[in-house]
Each structure stands twice: as structure tokens, then as C-alpha cells.
PDB file of N, CA and C in Angstrom:
ATOM      1  N   MET A   1     102.910  96.330 144.603  1.00  0.00           N
ATOM      2  CA  MET A   1     103.421  96.605 143.261  1.00  0.00           C
ATOM      3  C   MET A   1     104.048  98.001 143.276  1.00  0.00           C
ATOM      4  N   SER A   2     105.248  98.142 142.740  1.00  0.00           N
ATOM      5  CA  SER A   2     105.932  99.429 142.724  1.00  0.00           C
ATOM      6  C   SER A   2     105.381 100.323 141.626  1.00  0.00           C
ATOM      7  N   ASP A   3     105.692 101.632 141.719  1.00  0.00           N
ATOM      8  CA  ASP A   3     105.248 102.575 140.692  1.00  0.00           C
ATOM      9  C   ASP A   3     105.798 102.201 139.328  1.00  0.00           C
ATOM     10  N   ASP A   4     107.066 101.731 139.280  1.00  0.00           N
ATOM     11  CA  ASP A   4     107.665 101.359 138.002  1.00  0.00           C
ATOM     12  C   ASP A   4     106.928 100.190 137.368  1.00  0.00           C
ATOM     13  N   THR A   5     106.481  99.231 138.180  1.00  0.00           N
ATOM     14  CA  THR A   5     105.745  98.091 137.660  1.00  0.00           C
ATOM     15  C   THR A   5     104.405  98.553 137.100  1.00  0.00           C
ATOM     16  N   LYS A   6     103.734  99.477 137.798  1.00  0.00           N
ATOM     17  CA  LYS A   6     102.475 100.003 137.297  1.00  0.00           C
ATOM     18  C   LYS A   6     102.664 100.685 135.960  1.00  0.00           C
ATOM     19  N   MET A   7     103.759 101.408 135.803  1.00  0.00           N
ATOM     20  CA  MET A   7     104.025 102.112 134.556  1.00  0.00           C
ATOM     21  C   MET A   7     104.166 101.120 133.410  1.00  0.00           C
ATOM     22  N   ARG A   8     104.823  99.985 133.657  1.00  0.00           N
ATOM     23  CA  ARG A   8     105.056  99.023 132.588  1.00  0.00           C
ATOM     24  C   ARG A   8     103.802  98.244 132.228  1.00  0.00           C
ATOM     25  N   THR A   9     102.910  98.019 133.192  1.00  0.00           N
ATOM     26  CA  THR A   9     101.740  97.204 132.910  1.00  0.00           C
ATOM     27  C   THR A   9     100.589  98.024 132.346  1.00  0.00           C
ATOM     28  N   SER A  10     100.652  99.320 132.483  1.00  0.00           N
ATOM     29  CA  SER A  10      99.598 100.191 131.976  1.00  0.00           C
ATOM     30  C   SER A  10      99.981 100.663 130.578  1.00  0.00           C
ATOM     31  N   VAL A  11      99.273 100.165 129.571  1.00  0.00           N
ATOM     32  CA  VAL A  11      99.571 100.541 128.191  1.00  0.00           C
ATOM     33  C   VAL A  11      98.426 101.402 127.668  1.00  0.00           C
ATOM     34  N   PRO A  12      98.676 102.707 127.557  1.00  0.00           N
ATOM     35  CA  PRO A  12      97.612 103.590 127.090  1.00  0.00           C
ATOM     36  C   PRO A  12      97.381 103.463 125.589  1.00  0.00           C
ATOM     37  N   ARG A  13      96.198 103.887 125.156  1.00  0.00           N
ATOM     38  CA  ARG A  13      95.843 103.852 123.732  1.00  0.00           C
ATOM     39  C   ARG A  13      95.663 105.269 123.216  1.00  0.00           C
ATOM     40  N   CYS A  14      95.978 105.453 121.947  1.00  0.00           N
ATOM     41  CA  CYS A  14      95.760 106.731 121.279  1.00  0.00           C
ATOM     42  C   CYS A  14      94.249 106.957 121.175  1.00  0.00           C
ATOM     43  N   PRO A  15      93.767 108.138 121.571  1.00  0.00           N
ATOM     44  CA  PRO A  15      92.330 108.393 121.472  1.00  0.00           C
ATOM     45  C   PRO A  15      91.838 108.531 120.032  1.00  0.00           C
ATOM     46  N   GLY A  16      92.760 108.729 119.099  1.00  0.00           N
ATOM     47  CA  GLY A  16      92.381 108.881 117.700  1.00  0.00           C
ATOM     48  C   GLY A  16      92.284 107.562 116.960  1.00  0.00           C
ATOM     49  N   CYS A  17      93.376 106.798 116.963  1.00  0.00           N
ATOM     50  CA  CYS A  17      93.407 105.573 116.161  1.00  0.00           C
ATOM     51  C   CYS A  17      93.308 104.296 116.998  1.00  0.00           C
ATOM     52  N   GLY A  18      93.442 104.409 118.332  1.00  0.00           N
ATOM     53  CA  GLY A  18      93.281 103.259 119.203  1.00  0.00           C
ATOM     54  C   GLY A  18      94.502 102.374 119.360  1.00  0.00           C
ATOM     55  N   VAL A  19      95.614 102.729 118.731  1.00  0.00           N
ATOM     56  CA  VAL A  19      96.819 101.902 118.829  1.00  0.00           C
ATOM     57  C   VAL A  19      97.442 102.069 120.221  1.00  0.00           C
ATOM     58  N   ASN A  20      98.068 101.004 120.735  1.00  0.00           N
ATOM     59  CA  ASN A  20      98.797 101.084 122.003  1.00  0.00           C
ATOM     60  C   ASN A  20      99.987 102.013 121.837  1.00  0.00           C
ATOM     61  N   VAL A  21     100.150 102.935 122.783  1.00  0.00           N
ATOM     62  CA  VAL A  21     101.276 103.866 122.758  1.00  0.00           C
ATOM     63  C   VAL A  21     102.263 103.402 123.819  1.00  0.00           C
ATOM     64  N   ARG A  22     103.403 102.939 123.375  1.00  0.00           N
ATOM     65  CA  ARG A  22     104.416 102.402 124.271  1.00  0.00           C
ATOM     66  C   ARG A  22     105.128 103.540 124.986  1.00  0.00           C
ATOM     67  N   LEU A  23     105.290 103.391 126.291  1.00  0.00           N
ATOM     68  CA  LEU A  23     105.968 104.399 127.092  1.00  0.00           C
ATOM     69  C   LEU A  23     107.430 104.009 127.243  1.00  0.00           C
ATOM     70  N   GLU A  24     108.322 104.865 126.775  1.00  0.00           N
ATOM     71  CA  GLU A  24     109.748 104.581 126.832  1.00  0.00           C
ATOM     72  C   GLU A  24     110.369 104.959 128.177  1.00  0.00           C
ATOM     73  N   SER A  25     109.743 105.899 128.869  1.00  0.00           N
ATOM     74  CA  SER A  25     110.282 106.349 130.153  1.00  0.00           C
ATOM     75  C   SER A  25     109.134 106.775 131.045  1.00  0.00           C
ATOM     76  N   ARG A  26     109.468 107.187 132.249  1.00  0.00           N
ATOM     77  CA  ARG A  26     108.450 107.666 133.196  1.00  0.00           C
ATOM     78  C   ARG A  26     107.782 108.898 132.609  1.00  0.00           C
ATOM     79  N   VAL A  27     106.478 108.935 132.706  1.00  0.00           N
ATOM     80  CA  VAL A  27     105.721 110.079 132.207  1.00  0.00           C
ATOM     81  C   VAL A  27     104.987 110.748 133.358  1.00  0.00           C
ATOM     82  N   TYR A  28     104.657 111.983 133.172  1.00  0.00           N
ATOM     83  CA  TYR A  28     103.964 112.783 134.172  1.00  0.00           C
ATOM     84  C   TYR A  28     102.762 113.447 133.525  1.00  0.00           C
ATOM     85  N   VAL A  29     101.788 113.857 134.334  1.00  0.00           N
ATOM     86  CA  VAL A  29     100.656 114.605 133.804  1.00  0.00           C
ATOM     87  C   VAL A  29     101.210 115.839 133.102  1.00  0.00           C
ATOM     88  N   GLY A  30     100.806 116.035 131.861  1.00  0.00           N
ATOM     89  CA  GLY A  30     101.294 117.148 131.054  1.00  0.00           C
ATOM     90  C   GLY A  30     102.384 116.749 130.074  1.00  0.00           C
ATOM     91  N   SER A  31     102.970 115.552 130.232  1.00  0.00           N
ATOM     92  CA  SER A  31     103.979 115.084 129.275  1.00  0.00           C
ATOM     93  C   SER A  31     103.333 114.908 127.910  1.00  0.00           C
ATOM     94  N   GLU A  32     104.063 115.231 126.858  1.00  0.00           N
ATOM     95  CA  GLU A  32     103.540 115.046 125.503  1.00  0.00           C
ATOM     96  C   GLU A  32     104.247 113.885 124.830  1.00  0.00           C
ATOM     97  N   LEU A  33     103.471 113.110 124.082  1.00  0.00           N
ATOM     98  CA  LEU A  33     103.958 111.948 123.354  1.00  0.00           C
ATOM     99  C   LEU A  33     103.448 112.014 121.932  1.00  0.00           C
ATOM    100  N   LEU A  34     104.093 111.288 121.047  1.00  0.00           N
ATOM    101  CA  LEU A  34     103.664 111.204 119.660  1.00  0.00           C
ATOM    102  C   LEU A  34     103.148 109.800 119.397  1.00  0.00           C
ATOM    103  N   CYS A  35     101.949 109.706 118.822  1.00  0.00           N
ATOM    104  CA  CYS A  35     101.397 108.390 118.481  1.00  0.00           C
ATOM    105  C   CYS A  35     102.240 107.792 117.357  1.00  0.00           C
ATOM    106  N   PRO A  36     102.698 106.546 117.521  1.00  0.00           N
ATOM    107  CA  PRO A  36     103.530 105.923 116.491  1.00  0.00           C
ATOM    108  C   PRO A  36     102.764 105.561 115.220  1.00  0.00           C
ATOM    109  N   SER A  37     101.445 105.554 115.288  1.00  0.00           N
ATOM    110  CA  SER A  37     100.649 105.160 114.139  1.00  0.00           C
ATOM    111  C   SER A  37     100.123 106.356 113.343  1.00  0.00           C
ATOM    112  N   CYS A  38      99.472 107.304 114.038  1.00  0.00           N
ATOM    113  CA  CYS A  38      98.828 108.407 113.321  1.00  0.00           C
ATOM    114  C   CYS A  38      99.546 109.746 113.505  1.00  0.00           C
ATOM    115  N   ASP A  39     100.650 109.749 114.246  1.00  0.00           N
ATOM    116  CA  ASP A  39     101.468 110.949 114.495  1.00  0.00           C
ATOM    117  C   ASP A  39     100.732 112.054 115.244  1.00  0.00           C
ATOM    118  N   ALA A  40      99.653 111.716 115.954  1.00  0.00           N
ATOM    119  CA  ALA A  40      98.950 112.709 116.766  1.00  0.00           C
ATOM    120  C   ALA A  40      99.800 113.085 117.968  1.00  0.00           C
ATOM    121  N   VAL A  41      99.795 114.354 118.335  1.00  0.00           N
ATOM    122  CA  VAL A  41     100.479 114.806 119.541  1.00  0.00           C
ATOM    123  C   VAL A  41      99.517 114.587 120.698  1.00  0.00           C
ATOM    124  N   LEU A  42      99.954 113.776 121.667  1.00  0.00           N
ATOM    125  CA  LEU A  42      99.103 113.390 122.784  1.00  0.00           C
ATOM    126  C   LEU A  42      99.683 113.906 124.090  1.00  0.00           C
ATOM    127  N   GLU A  43      98.805 114.109 125.051  1.00  0.00           N
ATOM    128  CA  GLU A  43      99.216 114.599 126.366  1.00  0.00           C
ATOM    129  C   GLU A  43      98.760 113.604 127.427  1.00  0.00           C
ATOM    130  N   VAL A  44      99.617 113.355 128.414  1.00  0.00           N
ATOM    131  CA  VAL A  44      99.260 112.494 129.536  1.00  0.00           C
ATOM    132  C   VAL A  44      98.312 113.275 130.441  1.00  0.00           C
ATOM    133  N   ILE A  45      97.099 112.736 130.645  1.00  0.00           N
ATOM    134  CA  ILE A  45      96.129 113.417 131.498  1.00  0.00           C
ATOM    135  C   ILE A  45      95.944 112.707 132.833  1.00  0.00           C
ATOM    136  N   SER A  46      96.487 111.493 132.968  1.00  0.00           N
ATOM    137  CA  SER A  46      96.430 110.729 134.206  1.00  0.00           C
ATOM    138  C   SER A  46      97.592 109.751 134.212  1.00  0.00           C
ATOM    139  N   THR A  47      98.131 109.463 135.407  1.00  0.00           N
ATOM    140  CA  THR A  47      99.239 108.510 135.484  1.00  0.00           C
ATOM    141  C   THR A  47      98.869 107.211 136.170  1.00  0.00           C
ATOM    142  N   GLU A  48      97.722 107.126 136.835  1.00  0.00           N
ATOM    143  CA  GLU A  48      97.308 105.890 137.490  1.00  0.00           C
ATOM    144  C   GLU A  48      95.844 105.619 137.228  1.00  0.00           C
ATOM    145  N   PRO A  49      95.473 104.955 136.175  1.00  0.00           N
ATOM    146  CA  PRO A  49      96.328 104.442 135.102  1.00  0.00           C
ATOM    147  C   PRO A  49      96.715 105.556 134.141  1.00  0.00           C
ATOM    148  N   VAL A  50      97.698 105.265 133.294  1.00  0.00           N
ATOM    149  CA  VAL A  50      98.125 106.252 132.303  1.00  0.00           C
ATOM    150  C   VAL A  50      97.017 106.405 131.269  1.00  0.00           C
ATOM    151  N   GLU A  51      96.571 107.640 131.086  1.00  0.00           N
ATOM    152  CA  GLU A  51      95.557 107.957 130.083  1.00  0.00           C
ATOM    153  C   GLU A  51      96.060 109.090 129.213  1.00  0.00           C
ATOM    154  N   LEU A  52      95.730 109.011 127.927  1.00  0.00           N
ATOM    155  CA  LEU A  52      96.162 110.016 126.960  1.00  0.00           C
ATOM    156  C   LEU A  52      94.973 110.723 126.341  1.00  0.00           C
ATOM    157  N   ASP A  53      95.191 111.975 125.955  1.00  0.00           N
ATOM    158  CA  ASP A  53      94.206 112.744 125.212  1.00  0.00           C
ATOM    159  C   ASP A  53      95.001 113.593 124.232  1.00  0.00           C
ATOM    160  N   TRP A  54      94.317 114.235 123.295  1.00  0.00           N
ATOM    161  CA  TRP A  54      95.018 115.096 122.360  1.00  0.00           C
ATOM    162  C   TRP A  54      95.599 116.275 123.113  1.00  0.00           C
ATOM    163  N   ALA A  55      96.823 116.664 122.750  1.00  0.00           N
ATOM    164  CA  ALA A  55      97.448 117.825 123.382  1.00  0.00           C
ATOM    165  C   ALA A  55      96.727 119.078 122.921  1.00  0.00           C
ATOM    166  N   ASN A  56      96.520 119.999 123.824  1.00  0.00           N
ATOM    167  CA  ASN A  56      95.848 121.256 123.494  1.00  0.00           C
ATOM    168  C   ASN A  56      96.838 122.232 122.865  1.00  0.00           C
ATOM    169  N   ASP A  57      96.423 122.821 121.778  1.00  0.00           N
ATOM    170  CA  ASP A  57      97.203 123.871 121.129  1.00  0.00           C
ATOM    171  C   ASP A  57      96.512 125.195 121.390  1.00  0.00           C
ATOM    172  N   ASP A  58      96.534 125.665 122.635  1.00  0.00           N
ATOM    173  CA  ASP A  58      95.864 126.900 123.010  1.00  0.00           C
ATOM    174  C   ASP A  58      96.404 128.102 122.229  1.00  0.00           C
ATOM    175  N   GLU A  59      97.689 128.060 121.878  1.00  0.00           N
ATOM    176  CA  GLU A  59      98.285 129.173 121.135  1.00  0.00           C
ATOM    177  C   GLU A  59      97.618 129.341 119.777  1.00  0.00           C
ATOM    178  N   ASP A  60      97.317 128.238 119.103  1.00  0.00           N
ATOM    179  CA  ASP A  60      96.680 128.305 117.784  1.00  0.00           C
ATOM    180  C   ASP A  60      95.275 128.886 117.891  1.00  0.00           C
ATOM    181  N   GLU A  61      94.541 128.532 118.963  1.00  0.00           N
ATOM    182  CA  GLU A  61      93.184 129.016 119.135  1.00  0.00           C
ATOM    183  C   GLU A  61      93.154 130.520 119.369  1.00  0.00           C
ATOM    184  N   GLU A  62      94.190 131.067 120.024  1.00  0.00           N
ATOM    185  CA  GLU A  62      94.224 132.500 120.312  1.00  0.00           C
ATOM    186  C   GLU A  62      94.431 133.318 119.039  1.00  0.00           C
ATOM    187  N   ASP A  63      95.066 132.727 118.026  1.00  0.00           N
ATOM    188  CA  ASP A  63      95.339 133.432 116.790  1.00  0.00           C
ATOM    189  C   ASP A  63      94.092 133.607 115.936  1.00  0.00           C
ATOM    190  N   CYS A  64      93.056 132.813 116.173  1.00  0.00           N
ATOM    191  CA  CYS A  64      91.846 132.861 115.332  1.00  0.00           C
ATOM    192  C   CYS A  64      90.995 134.062 115.650  1.00  0.00           C
TER     193      CYS A  64
END
């Protein structure tokens, strides 16, 4: 199975609302995506399989 086929068959879910997040193009660890359901900013934390987590806003934490 090619890498492109793996990308298409792996459908990650939003960690917040659980909806499937469709991948429009090749993603890499660190890529950010927007959940189509809850508008959460998500970050790719793994590519095999594709896994998502909330994107870290380290800049906001430093301001506190």
C-alpha cells in the first residue's frame, strides 16, 4: 500500500467533538487543521496513522 493510499484510508477524529476530519492534502506532524464541526484548531501529532490533538498556543500561556 502506498503512502497516498494510507493517507486516504486513515480518517482522524477531532479530539473535542469526535467528528471525522477530512484531509484535503498531505499532512505532516505539526500541520494545523480546523475541525469542520466545532472550529477547534487541531495539530497533526502522528501521520501513521494520522492522529490529531488540540494545537498548543504556547504564546498565550507566556502572557499569563
